[in-house]
Amino acid sequence: MLKIKIVPGENIDRALKRYRKKVRNTKQLKQIRDNKEFTKKSKAKREQMAKAVYLNEYKLKTEE
């Protein structure tokens, strides 16, 4: 559970913005979506490998 300390006199919009940023940085929403359905280990590994290949090709392309 994420906790955001609100300073007295702080605008609620600012506190919400900090909360959303913390949720995005901790990747909490992605975990919730991933846990909605079971993913086989082989499929997760395949997706991880595909992501690594894509990132490697992207880095090589940007270095040129």
PDB file of N, CA and C in Angstrom:
ATOM      1  N   MET A   1       0.845  -1.173   0.000  1.00  0.00           N
ATOM      2  CA  MET A   1       0.000   0.000   0.000  1.00  0.00           C
ATOM      3  C   MET A   1       0.891   1.236   0.000  1.00  0.00           C
ATOM      4  N   LEU A   2       0.594   2.154  -0.888  1.00  0.00           N
ATOM      5  CA  LEU A   2       1.381   3.372  -0.999  1.00  0.00           C
ATOM      6  C   LEU A   2       0.833   4.436  -0.058  1.00  0.00           C
ATOM      7  N   LYS A   3       1.723   5.156   0.565  1.00  0.00           N
ATOM      8  CA  LYS A   3       1.314   6.226   1.459  1.00  0.00           C
ATOM      9  C   LYS A   3       1.947   7.527   0.988  1.00  0.00           C
ATOM     10  N   ILE A   4       1.137   8.566   0.979  1.00  0.00           N
ATOM     11  CA  ILE A   4       1.593   9.895   0.610  1.00  0.00           C
ATOM     12  C   ILE A   4       1.315  10.817   1.785  1.00  0.00           C
ATOM     13  N   LYS A   5       2.345  11.464   2.286  1.00  0.00           N
ATOM     14  CA  LYS A   5       2.150  12.417   3.376  1.00  0.00           C
ATOM     15  C   LYS A   5       1.714  13.752   2.791  1.00  0.00           C
ATOM     16  N   ILE A   6       0.623  14.261   3.307  1.00  0.00           N
ATOM     17  CA  ILE A   6       0.095  15.538   2.841  1.00  0.00           C
ATOM     18  C   ILE A   6       0.494  16.620   3.838  1.00  0.00           C
ATOM     19  N   VAL A   7       1.144  17.631   3.340  1.00  0.00           N
ATOM     20  CA  VAL A   7       1.576  18.750   4.170  1.00  0.00           C
ATOM     21  C   VAL A   7       0.370  19.657   4.410  1.00  0.00           C
ATOM     22  N   PRO A   8       0.185  20.139   5.604  1.00  0.00           N
ATOM     23  CA  PRO A   8      -0.949  21.056   5.855  1.00  0.00           C
ATOM     24  C   PRO A   8      -0.886  22.263   4.926  1.00  0.00           C
ATOM     25  N   GLY A   9      -2.000  22.552   4.294  1.00  0.00           N
ATOM     26  CA  GLY A   9      -2.071  23.666   3.357  1.00  0.00           C
ATOM     27  C   GLY A   9      -1.687  23.288   1.934  1.00  0.00           C
ATOM     28  N   GLU A  10      -1.354  22.016   1.701  1.00  0.00           N
ATOM     29  CA  GLU A  10      -0.963  21.574   0.355  1.00  0.00           C
ATOM     30  C   GLU A  10      -2.207  21.363  -0.503  1.00  0.00           C
ATOM     31  N   ASN A  11      -2.096  21.713  -1.751  1.00  0.00           N
ATOM     32  CA  ASN A  11      -3.187  21.542  -2.700  1.00  0.00           C
ATOM     33  C   ASN A  11      -3.418  20.051  -2.947  1.00  0.00           C
ATOM     34  N   ILE A  12      -4.671  19.640  -2.970  1.00  0.00           N
ATOM     35  CA  ILE A  12      -5.004  18.224  -3.159  1.00  0.00           C
ATOM     36  C   ILE A  12      -4.572  17.737  -4.543  1.00  0.00           C
ATOM     37  N   ASP A  13      -4.603  18.616  -5.537  1.00  0.00           N
ATOM     38  CA  ASP A  13      -4.169  18.231  -6.884  1.00  0.00           C
ATOM     39  C   ASP A  13      -2.682  17.869  -6.896  1.00  0.00           C
ATOM     40  N   ARG A  14      -1.912  18.591  -6.117  1.00  0.00           N
ATOM     41  CA  ARG A  14      -0.473  18.320  -6.047  1.00  0.00           C
ATOM     42  C   ARG A  14      -0.222  16.965  -5.384  1.00  0.00           C
ATOM     43  N   ALA A  15      -0.985  16.669  -4.335  1.00  0.00           N
ATOM     44  CA  ALA A  15      -0.841  15.390  -3.646  1.00  0.00           C
ATOM     45  C   ALA A  15      -1.246  14.235  -4.565  1.00  0.00           C
ATOM     46  N   LEU A  16      -2.320  14.417  -5.333  1.00  0.00           N
ATOM     47  CA  LEU A  16      -2.741  13.384  -6.286  1.00  0.00           C
ATOM     48  C   LEU A  16      -1.680  13.154  -7.356  1.00  0.00           C
ATOM     49  N   LYS A  17      -1.052  14.241  -7.785  1.00  0.00           N
ATOM     50  CA  LYS A  17      -0.001  14.126  -8.791  1.00  0.00           C
ATOM     51  C   LYS A  17       1.176  13.325  -8.242  1.00  0.00           C
ATOM     52  N   ARG A  18       1.557  13.556  -6.977  1.00  0.00           N
ATOM     53  CA  ARG A  18       2.635  12.794  -6.359  1.00  0.00           C
ATOM     54  C   ARG A  18       2.248  11.326  -6.208  1.00  0.00           C
ATOM     55  N   TYR A  19       0.977  11.063  -5.870  1.00  0.00           N
ATOM     56  CA  TYR A  19       0.504   9.689  -5.727  1.00  0.00           C
ATOM     57  C   TYR A  19       0.577   8.951  -7.066  1.00  0.00           C
ATOM     58  N   ARG A  20       0.097   9.574  -8.118  1.00  0.00           N
ATOM     59  CA  ARG A  20       0.122   8.948  -9.449  1.00  0.00           C
ATOM     60  C   ARG A  20       1.555   8.670  -9.898  1.00  0.00           C
ATOM     61  N   LYS A  21       2.460   9.604  -9.600  1.00  0.00           N
ATOM     62  CA  LYS A  21       3.863   9.419  -9.966  1.00  0.00           C
ATOM     63  C   LYS A  21       4.461   8.230  -9.213  1.00  0.00           C
ATOM     64  N   LYS A  22       4.108   8.092  -7.941  1.00  0.00           N
ATOM     65  CA  LYS A  22       4.627   6.983  -7.146  1.00  0.00           C
ATOM     66  C   LYS A  22       4.080   5.653  -7.662  1.00  0.00           C
ATOM     67  N   VAL A  23       2.795   5.617  -8.037  1.00  0.00           N
ATOM     68  CA  VAL A  23       2.197   4.395  -8.593  1.00  0.00           C
ATOM     69  C   VAL A  23       2.901   4.016  -9.886  1.00  0.00           C
ATOM     70  N   ARG A  24       3.157   4.999 -10.734  1.00  0.00           N
ATOM     71  CA  ARG A  24       3.816   4.738 -12.010  1.00  0.00           C
ATOM     72  C   ARG A  24       5.248   4.246 -11.798  1.00  0.00           C
ATOM     73  N   ASN A  25       5.971   4.838 -10.857  1.00  0.00           N
ATOM     74  CA  ASN A  25       7.363   4.463 -10.634  1.00  0.00           C
ATOM     75  C   ASN A  25       7.507   3.094  -9.982  1.00  0.00           C
ATOM     76  N   THR A  26       6.545   2.687  -9.170  1.00  0.00           N
ATOM     77  CA  THR A  26       6.639   1.386  -8.519  1.00  0.00           C
ATOM     78  C   THR A  26       6.062   0.272  -9.381  1.00  0.00           C
ATOM     79  N   LYS A  27       5.476   0.613 -10.510  1.00  0.00           N
ATOM     80  CA  LYS A  27       4.890  -0.343 -11.459  1.00  0.00           C
ATOM     81  C   LYS A  27       3.822  -1.206 -10.791  1.00  0.00           C
ATOM     82  N   GLN A  28       3.114  -0.621  -9.862  1.00  0.00           N
ATOM     83  CA  GLN A  28       2.084  -1.333  -9.126  1.00  0.00           C
ATOM     84  C   GLN A  28       0.910  -1.699 -10.038  1.00  0.00           C
ATOM     85  N   LEU A  29       0.522  -0.809 -10.929  1.00  0.00           N
ATOM     86  CA  LEU A  29      -0.589  -1.073 -11.828  1.00  0.00           C
ATOM     87  C   LEU A  29      -0.267  -2.227 -12.775  1.00  0.00           C
ATOM     88  N   LYS A  30       0.986  -2.300 -13.230  1.00  0.00           N
ATOM     89  CA  LYS A  30       1.392  -3.398 -14.112  1.00  0.00           C
ATOM     90  C   LYS A  30       1.295  -4.739 -13.392  1.00  0.00           C
ATOM     91  N   GLN A  31       1.680  -4.782 -12.119  1.00  0.00           N
ATOM     92  CA  GLN A  31       1.574  -6.011 -11.341  1.00  0.00           C
ATOM     93  C   GLN A  31       0.121  -6.451 -11.200  1.00  0.00           C
ATOM     94  N   ILE A  32      -0.763  -5.505 -10.962  1.00  0.00           N
ATOM     95  CA  ILE A  32      -2.184  -5.838 -10.819  1.00  0.00           C
ATOM     96  C   ILE A  32      -2.713  -6.430 -12.119  1.00  0.00           C
ATOM     97  N   ARG A  33      -2.354  -5.818 -13.231  1.00  0.00           N
ATOM     98  CA  ARG A  33      -2.817  -6.324 -14.529  1.00  0.00           C
ATOM     99  C   ARG A  33      -2.224  -7.692 -14.838  1.00  0.00           C
ATOM    100  N   ASP A  34      -0.959  -7.887 -14.485  1.00  0.00           N
ATOM    101  CA  ASP A  34      -0.320  -9.175 -14.738  1.00  0.00           C
ATOM    102  C   ASP A  34      -0.940 -10.290 -13.901  1.00  0.00           C
ATOM    103  N   ASN A  35      -1.406  -9.971 -12.709  1.00  0.00           N
ATOM    104  CA  ASN A  35      -1.972 -10.985 -11.820  1.00  0.00           C
ATOM    105  C   ASN A  35      -3.435 -11.313 -12.124  1.00  0.00           C
ATOM    106  N   LYS A  36      -4.036 -10.641 -13.091  1.00  0.00           N
ATOM    107  CA  LYS A  36      -5.426 -10.935 -13.437  1.00  0.00           C
ATOM    108  C   LYS A  36      -5.575 -12.339 -14.020  1.00  0.00           C
ATOM    109  N   GLU A  37      -4.581 -12.767 -14.754  1.00  0.00           N
ATOM    110  CA  GLU A  37      -4.638 -14.107 -15.353  1.00  0.00           C
ATOM    111  C   GLU A  37      -3.280 -14.771 -15.221  1.00  0.00           C
ATOM    112  N   PHE A  38      -3.289 -16.081 -15.177  1.00  0.00           N
ATOM    113  CA  PHE A  38      -2.055 -16.840 -15.021  1.00  0.00           C
ATOM    114  C   PHE A  38      -1.259 -16.840 -16.314  1.00  0.00           C
ATOM    115  N   THR A  39       0.036 -16.640 -16.207  1.00  0.00           N
ATOM    116  CA  THR A  39       0.936 -16.706 -17.354  1.00  0.00           C
ATOM    117  C   THR A  39       1.943 -17.822 -17.107  1.00  0.00           C
ATOM    118  N   LYS A  40       2.023 -18.738 -18.069  1.00  0.00           N
ATOM    119  CA  LYS A  40       2.974 -19.833 -17.943  1.00  0.00           C
ATOM    120  C   LYS A  40       4.399 -19.282 -17.922  1.00  0.00           C
ATOM    121  N   LYS A  41       5.271 -20.004 -17.223  1.00  0.00           N
ATOM    122  CA  LYS A  41       6.659 -19.570 -17.121  1.00  0.00           C
ATOM    123  C   LYS A  41       7.323 -19.505 -18.483  1.00  0.00           C
ATOM    124  N   SER A  42       6.986 -20.460 -19.357  1.00  0.00           N
ATOM    125  CA  SER A  42       7.608 -20.478 -20.684  1.00  0.00           C
ATOM    126  C   SER A  42       7.187 -19.254 -21.500  1.00  0.00           C
ATOM    127  N   LYS A  43       5.929 -18.848 -21.366  1.00  0.00           N
ATOM    128  CA  LYS A  43       5.453 -17.673 -22.108  1.00  0.00           C
ATOM    129  C   LYS A  43       6.082 -16.397 -21.555  1.00  0.00           C
ATOM    130  N   ALA A  44       6.204 -16.312 -20.227  1.00  0.00           N
ATOM    131  CA  ALA A  44       6.813 -15.136 -19.611  1.00  0.00           C
ATOM    132  C   ALA A  44       8.279 -15.018 -20.029  1.00  0.00           C
ATOM    133  N   LYS A  45       8.969 -16.160 -20.076  1.00  0.00           N
ATOM    134  CA  LYS A  45      10.375 -16.163 -20.482  1.00  0.00           C
ATOM    135  C   LYS A  45      10.513 -15.761 -21.946  1.00  0.00           C
ATOM    136  N   ARG A  46       9.604 -16.253 -22.789  1.00  0.00           N
ATOM    137  CA  ARG A  46       9.618 -15.904 -24.211  1.00  0.00           C
ATOM    138  C   ARG A  46       9.412 -14.403 -24.405  1.00  0.00           C
ATOM    139  N   GLU A  47       8.476 -13.824 -23.659  1.00  0.00           N
ATOM    140  CA  GLU A  47       8.217 -12.387 -23.754  1.00  0.00           C
ATOM    141  C   GLU A  47       9.424 -11.582 -23.263  1.00  0.00           C
ATOM    142  N   GLN A  48      10.054 -12.060 -22.207  1.00  0.00           N
ATOM    143  CA  GLN A  48      11.234 -11.388 -21.671  1.00  0.00           C
ATOM    144  C   GLN A  48      12.377 -11.414 -22.684  1.00  0.00           C
ATOM    145  N   MET A  49      12.564 -12.540 -23.354  1.00  0.00           N
ATOM    146  CA  MET A  49      13.620 -12.658 -24.367  1.00  0.00           C
ATOM    147  C   MET A  49      13.330 -11.740 -25.556  1.00  0.00           C
ATOM    148  N   ALA A  50      12.060 -11.682 -25.970  1.00  0.00           N
ATOM    149  CA  ALA A  50      11.688 -10.815 -27.088  1.00  0.00           C
ATOM    150  C   ALA A  50      11.947  -9.354 -26.737  1.00  0.00           C
ATOM    151  N   LYS A  51      11.653  -8.989 -25.519  1.00  0.00           N
ATOM    152  CA  LYS A  51      11.888  -7.614 -25.078  1.00  0.00           C
ATOM    153  C   LYS A  51      13.382  -7.303 -25.078  1.00  0.00           C
ATOM    154  N   ALA A  52      14.202  -8.255 -24.609  1.00  0.00           N
ATOM    155  CA  ALA A  52      15.652  -8.056 -24.573  1.00  0.00           C
ATOM    156  C   ALA A  52      16.214  -7.906 -25.977  1.00  0.00           C
ATOM    157  N   VAL A  53      15.727  -8.705 -26.917  1.00  0.00           N
ATOM    158  CA  VAL A  53      16.192  -8.618 -28.309  1.00  0.00           C
ATOM    159  C   VAL A  53      15.824  -7.262 -28.895  1.00  0.00           C
ATOM    160  N   TYR A  54      14.589  -6.831 -28.642  1.00  0.00           N
ATOM    161  CA  TYR A  54      14.135  -5.537 -29.158  1.00  0.00           C
ATOM    162  C   TYR A  54      14.989  -4.400 -28.593  1.00  0.00           C
ATOM    163  N   LEU A  55      15.230  -4.412 -27.282  1.00  0.00           N
ATOM    164  CA  LEU A  55      16.017  -3.343 -26.668  1.00  0.00           C
ATOM    165  C   LEU A  55      17.454  -3.346 -27.180  1.00  0.00           C
ATOM    166  N   ASN A  56      18.015  -4.519 -27.403  1.00  0.00           N
ATOM    167  CA  ASN A  56      19.379  -4.617 -27.929  1.00  0.00           C
ATOM    168  C   ASN A  56      19.451  -4.030 -29.334  1.00  0.00           C
ATOM    169  N   GLU A  57      18.499  -4.370 -30.185  1.00  0.00           N
ATOM    170  CA  GLU A  57      18.472  -3.831 -31.540  1.00  0.00           C
ATOM    171  C   GLU A  57      18.263  -2.325 -31.524  1.00  0.00           C
ATOM    172  N   TYR A  58      17.423  -1.856 -30.607  1.00  0.00           N
ATOM    173  CA  TYR A  58      17.165  -0.414 -30.502  1.00  0.00           C
ATOM    174  C   TYR A  58      18.423   0.343 -30.096  1.00  0.00           C
ATOM    175  N   LYS A  59      19.170  -0.216 -29.125  1.00  0.00           N
ATOM    176  CA  LYS A  59      20.404   0.429 -28.686  1.00  0.00           C
ATOM    177  C   LYS A  59      21.432   0.453 -29.803  1.00  0.00           C
ATOM    178  N   LEU A  60      21.547  -0.644 -30.559  1.00  0.00           N
ATOM    179  CA  LEU A  60      22.496  -0.688 -31.664  1.00  0.00           C
ATOM    180  C   LEU A  60      22.121   0.320 -32.738  1.00  0.00           C
ATOM    181  N   LYS A  61      20.837   0.469 -32.969  1.00  0.00           N
ATOM    182  CA  LYS A  61      20.364   1.394 -34.003  1.00  0.00           C
ATOM    183  C   LYS A  61      20.628   2.847 -33.601  1.00  0.00           C
ATOM    184  N   THR A  62      20.452   3.178 -32.332  1.00  0.00           N
ATOM    185  CA  THR A  62      20.634   4.556 -31.884  1.00  0.00           C
ATOM    186  C   THR A  62      22.102   4.946 -31.771  1.00  0.00           C
ATOM    187  N   GLU A  63      23.002   3.950 -31.640  1.00  0.00           N
ATOM    188  CA  GLU A  63      24.424   4.257 -31.540  1.00  0.00           C
ATOM    189  C   GLU A  63      25.000   4.694 -32.880  1.00  0.00           C
ATOM    190  N   GLU A  64      24.395   4.281 -33.964  1.00  0.00           N
ATOM    191  CA  GLU A  64      24.933   4.594 -35.305  1.00  0.00           C
ATOM    192  C   GLU A  64      24.745   6.033 -35.652  1.00  0.00           C
TER     193      GLU A  64
END
